[in-house]
Amino acid sequence: MLDAANVRAVRDQLRSEGLFPTAIEPAAQIAARRSEATRLASDLLALTTRQLATLVASGMPLDQALAAVVEQSDHPAAAHTF
């Protein structure tokens, strides 16, 4: 992510670094798309949260618990959420 006055300034900055962007988008648009793409149904969110809570309560470190929940998930959206 780059902070610039406009798209042209971002493109110029990237080109000066030897990069040639194929698309440039404002961060707000990316965040909105990502938020919609990772929205889970309430029952799936509850299940995933319970699994995570159980693993953490058993003493598993959070990073390992998150990896385990992702690995065991049958639903692709749940795996991408974490």
PDB file of N, CA and C in Angstrom:
ATOM      1  N   MET A   1       0.846  -1.171   0.000  1.00  0.00           N
ATOM      2  CA  MET A   1       0.000   0.000   0.000  1.00  0.00           C
ATOM      3  C   MET A   1       0.891   1.233   0.000  1.00  0.00           C
ATOM      4  N   LEU A   2       0.480   2.175  -0.788  1.00  0.00           N
ATOM      5  CA  LEU A   2       1.221   3.430  -0.885  1.00  0.00           C
ATOM      6  C   LEU A   2       0.286   4.589  -0.594  1.00  0.00           C
ATOM      7  N   ASP A   3       0.842   5.618  -0.011  1.00  0.00           N
ATOM      8  CA  ASP A   3       0.084   6.834   0.253  1.00  0.00           C
ATOM      9  C   ASP A   3       0.506   7.866  -0.781  1.00  0.00           C
ATOM     10  N   ALA A   4      -0.462   8.322  -1.571  1.00  0.00           N
ATOM     11  CA  ALA A   4      -0.153   9.308  -2.606  1.00  0.00           C
ATOM     12  C   ALA A   4      -1.380  10.167  -2.862  1.00  0.00           C
ATOM     13  N   ALA A   5      -1.153  11.300  -3.544  1.00  0.00           N
ATOM     14  CA  ALA A   5      -2.234  12.246  -3.824  1.00  0.00           C
ATOM     15  C   ALA A   5      -3.245  11.689  -4.812  1.00  0.00           C
ATOM     16  N   ASN A   6      -2.765  10.881  -5.773  1.00  0.00           N
ATOM     17  CA  ASN A   6      -3.668  10.331  -6.782  1.00  0.00           C
ATOM     18  C   ASN A   6      -3.055   9.070  -7.403  1.00  0.00           C
ATOM     19  N   VAL A   7      -3.816   8.455  -8.292  1.00  0.00           N
ATOM     20  CA  VAL A   7      -3.380   7.215  -8.934  1.00  0.00           C
ATOM     21  C   VAL A   7      -2.114   7.436  -9.757  1.00  0.00           C
ATOM     22  N   ARG A   8      -2.036   8.563 -10.437  1.00  0.00           N
ATOM     23  CA  ARG A   8      -0.852   8.852 -11.261  1.00  0.00           C
ATOM     24  C   ARG A   8       0.414   8.918 -10.405  1.00  0.00           C
ATOM     25  N   ALA A   9       0.318   9.519  -9.219  1.00  0.00           N
ATOM     26  CA  ALA A   9       1.474   9.614  -8.329  1.00  0.00           C
ATOM     27  C   ALA A   9       1.916   8.230  -7.867  1.00  0.00           C
ATOM     28  N   VAL A  10       0.966   7.368  -7.614  1.00  0.00           N
ATOM     29  CA  VAL A  10       1.299   5.988  -7.223  1.00  0.00           C
ATOM     30  C   VAL A  10       2.004   5.286  -8.373  1.00  0.00           C
ATOM     31  N   ARG A  11       1.452   5.408  -9.566  1.00  0.00           N
ATOM     32  CA  ARG A  11       2.056   4.773 -10.744  1.00  0.00           C
ATOM     33  C   ARG A  11       3.475   5.291 -10.968  1.00  0.00           C
ATOM     34  N   ASP A  12       3.668   6.601 -10.860  1.00  0.00           N
ATOM     35  CA  ASP A  12       4.995   7.177 -11.057  1.00  0.00           C
ATOM     36  C   ASP A  12       5.986   6.675 -10.008  1.00  0.00           C
ATOM     37  N   GLN A  13       5.516   6.578  -8.763  1.00  0.00           N
ATOM     38  CA  GLN A  13       6.396   6.097  -7.691  1.00  0.00           C
ATOM     39  C   GLN A  13       6.802   4.639  -7.935  1.00  0.00           C
ATOM     40  N   LEU A  14       5.846   3.815  -8.320  1.00  0.00           N
ATOM     41  CA  LEU A  14       6.165   2.407  -8.583  1.00  0.00           C
ATOM     42  C   LEU A  14       7.103   2.261  -9.775  1.00  0.00           C
ATOM     43  N   ARG A  15       6.861   3.022 -10.805  1.00  0.00           N
ATOM     44  CA  ARG A  15       7.731   2.955 -11.995  1.00  0.00           C
ATOM     45  C   ARG A  15       9.148   3.409 -11.668  1.00  0.00           C
ATOM     46  N   SER A  16       9.293   4.391 -10.782  1.00  0.00           N
ATOM     47  CA  SER A  16      10.630   4.837 -10.400  1.00  0.00           C
ATOM     48  C   SER A  16      11.389   3.749  -9.637  1.00  0.00           C
ATOM     49  N   GLU A  17      10.638   2.816  -9.068  1.00  0.00           N
ATOM     50  CA  GLU A  17      11.249   1.675  -8.360  1.00  0.00           C
ATOM     51  C   GLU A  17      11.426   0.469  -9.278  1.00  0.00           C
ATOM     52  N   GLY A  18      11.149   0.656 -10.569  1.00  0.00           N
ATOM     53  CA  GLY A  18      11.316  -0.420 -11.531  1.00  0.00           C
ATOM     54  C   GLY A  18      10.136  -1.379 -11.589  1.00  0.00           C
ATOM     55  N   LEU A  19       8.997  -0.980 -11.051  1.00  0.00           N
ATOM     56  CA  LEU A  19       7.803  -1.820 -11.065  1.00  0.00           C
ATOM     57  C   LEU A  19       6.794  -1.260 -12.055  1.00  0.00           C
ATOM     58  N   PHE A  20       6.010  -2.130 -12.656  1.00  0.00           N
ATOM     59  CA  PHE A  20       5.017  -1.714 -13.630  1.00  0.00           C
ATOM     60  C   PHE A  20       3.661  -2.288 -13.235  1.00  0.00           C
ATOM     61  N   PRO A  21       2.882  -1.491 -12.481  1.00  0.00           N
ATOM     62  CA  PRO A  21       1.596  -1.988 -11.981  1.00  0.00           C
ATOM     63  C   PRO A  21       0.597  -2.239 -13.105  1.00  0.00           C
ATOM     64  N   THR A  22      -0.206  -3.275 -12.938  1.00  0.00           N
ATOM     65  CA  THR A  22      -1.262  -3.562 -13.900  1.00  0.00           C
ATOM     66  C   THR A  22      -2.594  -2.989 -13.438  1.00  0.00           C
ATOM     67  N   ALA A  23      -2.736  -2.757 -12.128  1.00  0.00           N
ATOM     68  CA  ALA A  23      -3.962  -2.163 -11.588  1.00  0.00           C
ATOM     69  C   ALA A  23      -3.626  -1.435 -10.294  1.00  0.00           C
ATOM     70  N   ILE A  24      -4.276  -0.307 -10.096  1.00  0.00           N
ATOM     71  CA  ILE A  24      -4.108   0.475  -8.867  1.00  0.00           C
ATOM     72  C   ILE A  24      -5.500   0.816  -8.373  1.00  0.00           C
ATOM     73  N   GLU A  25      -5.765   0.496  -7.111  1.00  0.00           N
ATOM     74  CA  GLU A  25      -7.077   0.756  -6.537  1.00  0.00           C
ATOM     75  C   GLU A  25      -6.933   1.457  -5.198  1.00  0.00           C
ATOM     76  N   PRO A  26      -7.863   2.343  -4.868  1.00  0.00           N
ATOM     77  CA  PRO A  26      -7.862   2.955  -3.534  1.00  0.00           C
ATOM     78  C   PRO A  26      -8.063   1.883  -2.463  1.00  0.00           C
ATOM     79  N   ALA A  27      -7.412   2.030  -1.343  1.00  0.00           N
ATOM     80  CA  ALA A  27      -7.473   1.033  -0.271  1.00  0.00           C
ATOM     81  C   ALA A  27      -8.896   0.826   0.232  1.00  0.00           C
ATOM     82  N   ALA A  28      -9.721   1.854   0.225  1.00  0.00           N
ATOM     83  CA  ALA A  28     -11.101   1.724   0.711  1.00  0.00           C
ATOM     84  C   ALA A  28     -11.882   0.722  -0.125  1.00  0.00           C
ATOM     85  N   GLN A  29     -11.669   0.698  -1.430  1.00  0.00           N
ATOM     86  CA  GLN A  29     -12.368  -0.257  -2.290  1.00  0.00           C
ATOM     87  C   GLN A  29     -11.923  -1.680  -2.003  1.00  0.00           C
ATOM     88  N   ILE A  30     -10.650  -1.866  -1.771  1.00  0.00           N
ATOM     89  CA  ILE A  30     -10.122  -3.197  -1.472  1.00  0.00           C
ATOM     90  C   ILE A  30     -10.666  -3.692  -0.148  1.00  0.00           C
ATOM     91  N   ALA A  31     -10.682  -2.822   0.861  1.00  0.00           N
ATOM     92  CA  ALA A  31     -11.184  -3.212   2.178  1.00  0.00           C
ATOM     93  C   ALA A  31     -12.665  -3.573   2.126  1.00  0.00           C
ATOM     94  N   ALA A  32     -13.451  -2.825   1.369  1.00  0.00           N
ATOM     95  CA  ALA A  32     -14.884  -3.119   1.257  1.00  0.00           C
ATOM     96  C   ALA A  32     -15.104  -4.462   0.585  1.00  0.00           C
ATOM     97  N   ARG A  33     -14.369  -4.749  -0.473  1.00  0.00           N
ATOM     98  CA  ARG A  33     -14.493  -6.027  -1.176  1.00  0.00           C
ATOM     99  C   ARG A  33     -14.079  -7.172  -0.273  1.00  0.00           C
ATOM    100  N   ARG A  34     -12.991  -6.985   0.471  1.00  0.00           N
ATOM    101  CA  ARG A  34     -12.496  -8.027   1.360  1.00  0.00           C
ATOM    102  C   ARG A  34     -13.498  -8.307   2.471  1.00  0.00           C
ATOM    103  N   SER A  35     -14.122  -7.261   3.001  1.00  0.00           N
ATOM    104  CA  SER A  35     -15.105  -7.419   4.067  1.00  0.00           C
ATOM    105  C   SER A  35     -16.297  -8.247   3.600  1.00  0.00           C
ATOM    106  N   GLU A  36     -16.794  -7.970   2.409  1.00  0.00           N
ATOM    107  CA  GLU A  36     -17.927  -8.722   1.879  1.00  0.00           C
ATOM    108  C   GLU A  36     -17.541 -10.154   1.566  1.00  0.00           C
ATOM    109  N   ALA A  37     -16.336 -10.371   1.093  1.00  0.00           N
ATOM    110  CA  ALA A  37     -15.899 -11.710   0.711  1.00  0.00           C
ATOM    111  C   ALA A  37     -15.699 -12.606   1.914  1.00  0.00           C
ATOM    112  N   THR A  38     -15.438 -12.039   3.076  1.00  0.00           N
ATOM    113  CA  THR A  38     -15.145 -12.857   4.250  1.00  0.00           C
ATOM    114  C   THR A  38     -16.297 -12.929   5.234  1.00  0.00           C
ATOM    115  N   ARG A  39     -17.467 -12.468   4.846  1.00  0.00           N
ATOM    116  CA  ARG A  39     -18.620 -12.534   5.721  1.00  0.00           C
ATOM    117  C   ARG A  39     -19.094 -13.978   5.829  1.00  0.00           C
ATOM    118  N   LEU A  40     -19.240 -14.467   7.046  1.00  0.00           N
ATOM    119  CA  LEU A  40     -19.661 -15.851   7.278  1.00  0.00           C
ATOM    120  C   LEU A  40     -21.088 -15.902   7.793  1.00  0.00           C
ATOM    121  N   ALA A  41     -21.771 -16.980   7.478  1.00  0.00           N
ATOM    122  CA  ALA A  41     -23.095 -17.200   8.045  1.00  0.00           C
ATOM    123  C   ALA A  41     -22.945 -17.325   9.557  1.00  0.00           C
ATOM    124  N   SER A  42     -23.954 -16.920  10.299  1.00  0.00           N
ATOM    125  CA  SER A  42     -23.853 -16.887  11.760  1.00  0.00           C
ATOM    126  C   SER A  42     -23.596 -18.261  12.360  1.00  0.00           C
ATOM    127  N   ASP A  43     -24.196 -19.317  11.798  1.00  0.00           N
ATOM    128  CA  ASP A  43     -23.951 -20.657  12.351  1.00  0.00           C
ATOM    129  C   ASP A  43     -22.520 -21.119  12.100  1.00  0.00           C
ATOM    130  N   LEU A  44     -21.976 -20.792  10.936  1.00  0.00           N
ATOM    131  CA  LEU A  44     -20.589 -21.150  10.633  1.00  0.00           C
ATOM    132  C   LEU A  44     -19.615 -20.335  11.482  1.00  0.00           C
ATOM    133  N   LEU A  45     -19.920 -19.065  11.687  1.00  0.00           N
ATOM    134  CA  LEU A  45     -19.084 -18.225  12.542  1.00  0.00           C
ATOM    135  C   LEU A  45     -19.088 -18.749  13.975  1.00  0.00           C
ATOM    136  N   ALA A  46     -20.266 -19.143  14.477  1.00  0.00           N
ATOM    137  CA  ALA A  46     -20.369 -19.671  15.836  1.00  0.00           C
ATOM    138  C   ALA A  46     -19.559 -20.961  15.982  1.00  0.00           C
ATOM    139  N   LEU A  47     -19.669 -21.858  15.013  1.00  0.00           N
ATOM    140  CA  LEU A  47     -18.920 -23.119  15.060  1.00  0.00           C
ATOM    141  C   LEU A  47     -17.415 -22.866  15.056  1.00  0.00           C
ATOM    142  N   THR A  48     -16.979 -22.016  14.153  1.00  0.00           N
ATOM    143  CA  THR A  48     -15.547 -21.713  14.040  1.00  0.00           C
ATOM    144  C   THR A  48     -15.026 -21.059  15.315  1.00  0.00           C
ATOM    145  N   THR A  49     -15.807 -20.159  15.880  1.00  0.00           N
ATOM    146  CA  THR A  49     -15.408 -19.485  17.116  1.00  0.00           C
ATOM    147  C   THR A  49     -15.325 -20.471  18.277  1.00  0.00           C
ATOM    148  N   ARG A  50     -16.284 -21.392  18.361  1.00  0.00           N
ATOM    149  CA  ARG A  50     -16.242 -22.415  19.422  1.00  0.00           C
ATOM    150  C   ARG A  50     -15.013 -23.305  19.282  1.00  0.00           C
ATOM    151  N   GLN A  51     -14.701 -23.696  18.042  1.00  0.00           N
ATOM    152  CA  GLN A  51     -13.514 -24.529  17.814  1.00  0.00           C
ATOM    153  C   GLN A  51     -12.252 -23.792  18.253  1.00  0.00           C
ATOM    154  N   LEU A  52     -12.152 -22.547  17.881  1.00  0.00           N
ATOM    155  CA  LEU A  52     -10.987 -21.747  18.248  1.00  0.00           C
ATOM    156  C   LEU A  52     -10.896 -21.588  19.764  1.00  0.00           C
ATOM    157  N   ALA A  53     -12.022 -21.300  20.401  1.00  0.00           N
ATOM    158  CA  ALA A  53     -12.039 -21.129  21.863  1.00  0.00           C
ATOM    159  C   ALA A  53     -11.641 -22.405  22.576  1.00  0.00           C
ATOM    160  N   THR A  54     -12.104 -23.539  22.092  1.00  0.00           N
ATOM    161  CA  THR A  54     -11.763 -24.827  22.708  1.00  0.00           C
ATOM    162  C   THR A  54     -10.270 -25.101  22.610  1.00  0.00           C
ATOM    163  N   LEU A  55      -9.698 -24.845  21.451  1.00  0.00           N
ATOM    164  CA  LEU A  55      -8.266 -25.089  21.278  1.00  0.00           C
ATOM    165  C   LEU A  55      -7.432 -24.161  22.158  1.00  0.00           C
ATOM    166  N   VAL A  56      -7.797 -22.897  22.224  1.00  0.00           N
ATOM    167  CA  VAL A  56      -7.053 -21.940  23.051  1.00  0.00           C
ATOM    168  C   VAL A  56      -7.209 -22.291  24.530  1.00  0.00           C
ATOM    169  N   ALA A  57      -8.423 -22.675  24.954  1.00  0.00           N
ATOM    170  CA  ALA A  57      -8.662 -23.048  26.355  1.00  0.00           C
ATOM    171  C   ALA A  57      -7.875 -24.295  26.749  1.00  0.00           C
ATOM    172  N   SER A  58      -7.567 -25.146  25.772  1.00  0.00           N
ATOM    173  CA  SER A  58      -6.806 -26.358  26.075  1.00  0.00           C
ATOM    174  C   SER A  58      -5.312 -26.070  26.241  1.00  0.00           C
ATOM    175  N   GLY A  59      -4.925 -24.820  25.981  1.00  0.00           N
ATOM    176  CA  GLY A  59      -3.528 -24.446  26.163  1.00  0.00           C
ATOM    177  C   GLY A  59      -2.752 -24.300  24.868  1.00  0.00           C
ATOM    178  N   MET A  60      -3.404 -24.504  23.751  1.00  0.00           N
ATOM    179  CA  MET A  60      -2.720 -24.368  22.465  1.00  0.00           C
ATOM    180  C   MET A  60      -2.470 -22.882  22.199  1.00  0.00           C
ATOM    181  N   PRO A  61      -1.284 -22.516  21.746  1.00  0.00           N
ATOM    182  CA  PRO A  61      -1.009 -21.112  21.401  1.00  0.00           C
ATOM    183  C   PRO A  61      -1.951 -20.640  20.290  1.00  0.00           C
ATOM    184  N   LEU A  62      -2.292 -19.365  20.327  1.00  0.00           N
ATOM    185  CA  LEU A  62      -3.280 -18.817  19.404  1.00  0.00           C
ATOM    186  C   LEU A  62      -2.908 -19.035  17.945  1.00  0.00           C
ATOM    187  N   ASP A  63      -1.649 -18.825  17.579  1.00  0.00           N
ATOM    188  CA  ASP A  63      -1.270 -19.000  16.179  1.00  0.00           C
ATOM    189  C   ASP A  63      -1.459 -20.437  15.717  1.00  0.00           C
ATOM    190  N   GLN A  64      -1.161 -21.400  16.585  1.00  0.00           N
ATOM    191  CA  GLN A  64      -1.360 -22.803  16.239  1.00  0.00           C
ATOM    192  C   GLN A  64      -2.846 -23.151  16.185  1.00  0.00           C
ATOM    193  N   ALA A  65      -3.631 -22.567  17.091  1.00  0.00           N
ATOM    194  CA  ALA A  65      -5.072 -22.807  17.106  1.00  0.00           C
ATOM    195  C   ALA A  65      -5.712 -22.268  15.830  1.00  0.00           C
ATOM    196  N   LEU A  66      -5.311 -21.078  15.411  1.00  0.00           N
ATOM    197  CA  LEU A  66      -5.837 -20.522  14.164  1.00  0.00           C
ATOM    198  C   LEU A  66      -5.483 -21.403  12.971  1.00  0.00           C
ATOM    199  N   ALA A  67      -4.245 -21.871  12.928  1.00  0.00           N
ATOM    200  CA  ALA A  67      -3.816 -22.745  11.834  1.00  0.00           C
ATOM    201  C   ALA A  67      -4.615 -24.047  11.840  1.00  0.00           C
ATOM    202  N   ALA A  68      -4.874 -24.594  13.017  1.00  0.00           N
ATOM    203  CA  ALA A  68      -5.641 -25.839  13.119  1.00  0.00           C
ATOM    204  C   ALA A  68      -7.077 -25.644  12.656  1.00  0.00           C
ATOM    205  N   VAL A  69      -7.702 -24.534  13.044  1.00  0.00           N
ATOM    206  CA  VAL A  69      -9.077 -24.256  12.622  1.00  0.00           C
ATOM    207  C   VAL A  69      -9.138 -24.110  11.105  1.00  0.00           C
ATOM    208  N   VAL A  70      -8.184 -23.413  10.521  1.00  0.00           N
ATOM    209  CA  VAL A  70      -8.148 -23.251   9.071  1.00  0.00           C
ATOM    210  C   VAL A  70      -7.963 -24.593   8.393  1.00  0.00           C
ATOM    211  N   GLU A  71      -7.044 -25.391   8.898  1.00  0.00           N
ATOM    212  CA  GLU A  71      -6.747 -26.694   8.296  1.00  0.00           C
ATOM    213  C   GLU A  71      -7.950 -27.635   8.354  1.00  0.00           C
ATOM    214  N   GLN A  72      -8.717 -27.572   9.426  1.00  0.00           N
ATOM    215  CA  GLN A  72      -9.835 -28.496   9.620  1.00  0.00           C
ATOM    216  C   GLN A  72     -11.135 -27.989   9.009  1.00  0.00           C
ATOM    217  N   SER A  73     -11.162 -26.768   8.540  1.00  0.00           N
ATOM    218  CA  SER A  73     -12.399 -26.194   8.020  1.00  0.00           C
ATOM    219  C   SER A  73     -12.793 -26.845   6.699  1.00  0.00           C
ATOM    220  N   ASP A  74     -14.080 -27.168   6.595  1.00  0.00           N
ATOM    221  CA  ASP A  74     -14.620 -27.708   5.344  1.00  0.00           C
ATOM    222  C   ASP A  74     -15.154 -26.600   4.442  1.00  0.00           C
ATOM    223  N   HIS A  75     -15.259 -25.416   4.989  1.00  0.00           N
ATOM    224  CA  HIS A  75     -15.841 -24.297   4.248  1.00  0.00           C
ATOM    225  C   HIS A  75     -14.739 -23.330   3.829  1.00  0.00           C
ATOM    226  N   PRO A  76     -14.554 -23.109   2.531  1.00  0.00           N
ATOM    227  CA  PRO A  76     -13.464 -22.237   2.061  1.00  0.00           C
ATOM    228  C   PRO A  76     -13.522 -20.824   2.616  1.00  0.00           C
ATOM    229  N   ALA A  77     -14.711 -20.260   2.784  1.00  0.00           N
ATOM    230  CA  ALA A  77     -14.814 -18.884   3.297  1.00  0.00           C
ATOM    231  C   ALA A  77     -14.317 -18.804   4.733  1.00  0.00           C
ATOM    232  N   ALA A  78     -14.562 -19.829   5.530  1.00  0.00           N
ATOM    233  CA  ALA A  78     -14.087 -19.837   6.912  1.00  0.00           C
ATOM    234  C   ALA A  78     -12.566 -19.910   6.935  1.00  0.00           C
ATOM    235  N   ALA A  79     -11.993 -20.684   6.070  1.00  0.00           N
ATOM    236  CA  ALA A  79     -10.532 -20.799   6.024  1.00  0.00           C
ATOM    237  C   ALA A  79      -9.892 -19.481   5.627  1.00  0.00           C
ATOM    238  N   HIS A  80     -10.514 -18.737   4.716  1.00  0.00           N
ATOM    239  CA  HIS A  80      -9.948 -17.462   4.275  1.00  0.00           C
ATOM    240  C   HIS A  80     -10.172 -16.342   5.281  1.00  0.00           C
ATOM    241  N   THR A  81     -11.144 -16.504   6.172  1.00  0.00           N
ATOM    242  CA  THR A  81     -11.421 -15.484   7.167  1.00  0.00           C
ATOM    243  C   THR A  81     -10.276 -15.369   8.148  1.00  0.00           C
ATOM    244  N   PHE A  82      -9.678 -16.478   8.481  1.00  0.00           N
ATOM    245  CA  PHE A  82      -8.588 -16.472   9.436  1.00  0.00           C
ATOM    246  C   PHE A  82      -7.300 -16.447   8.692  1.00  0.00           C
TER     247      PHE A  82
END
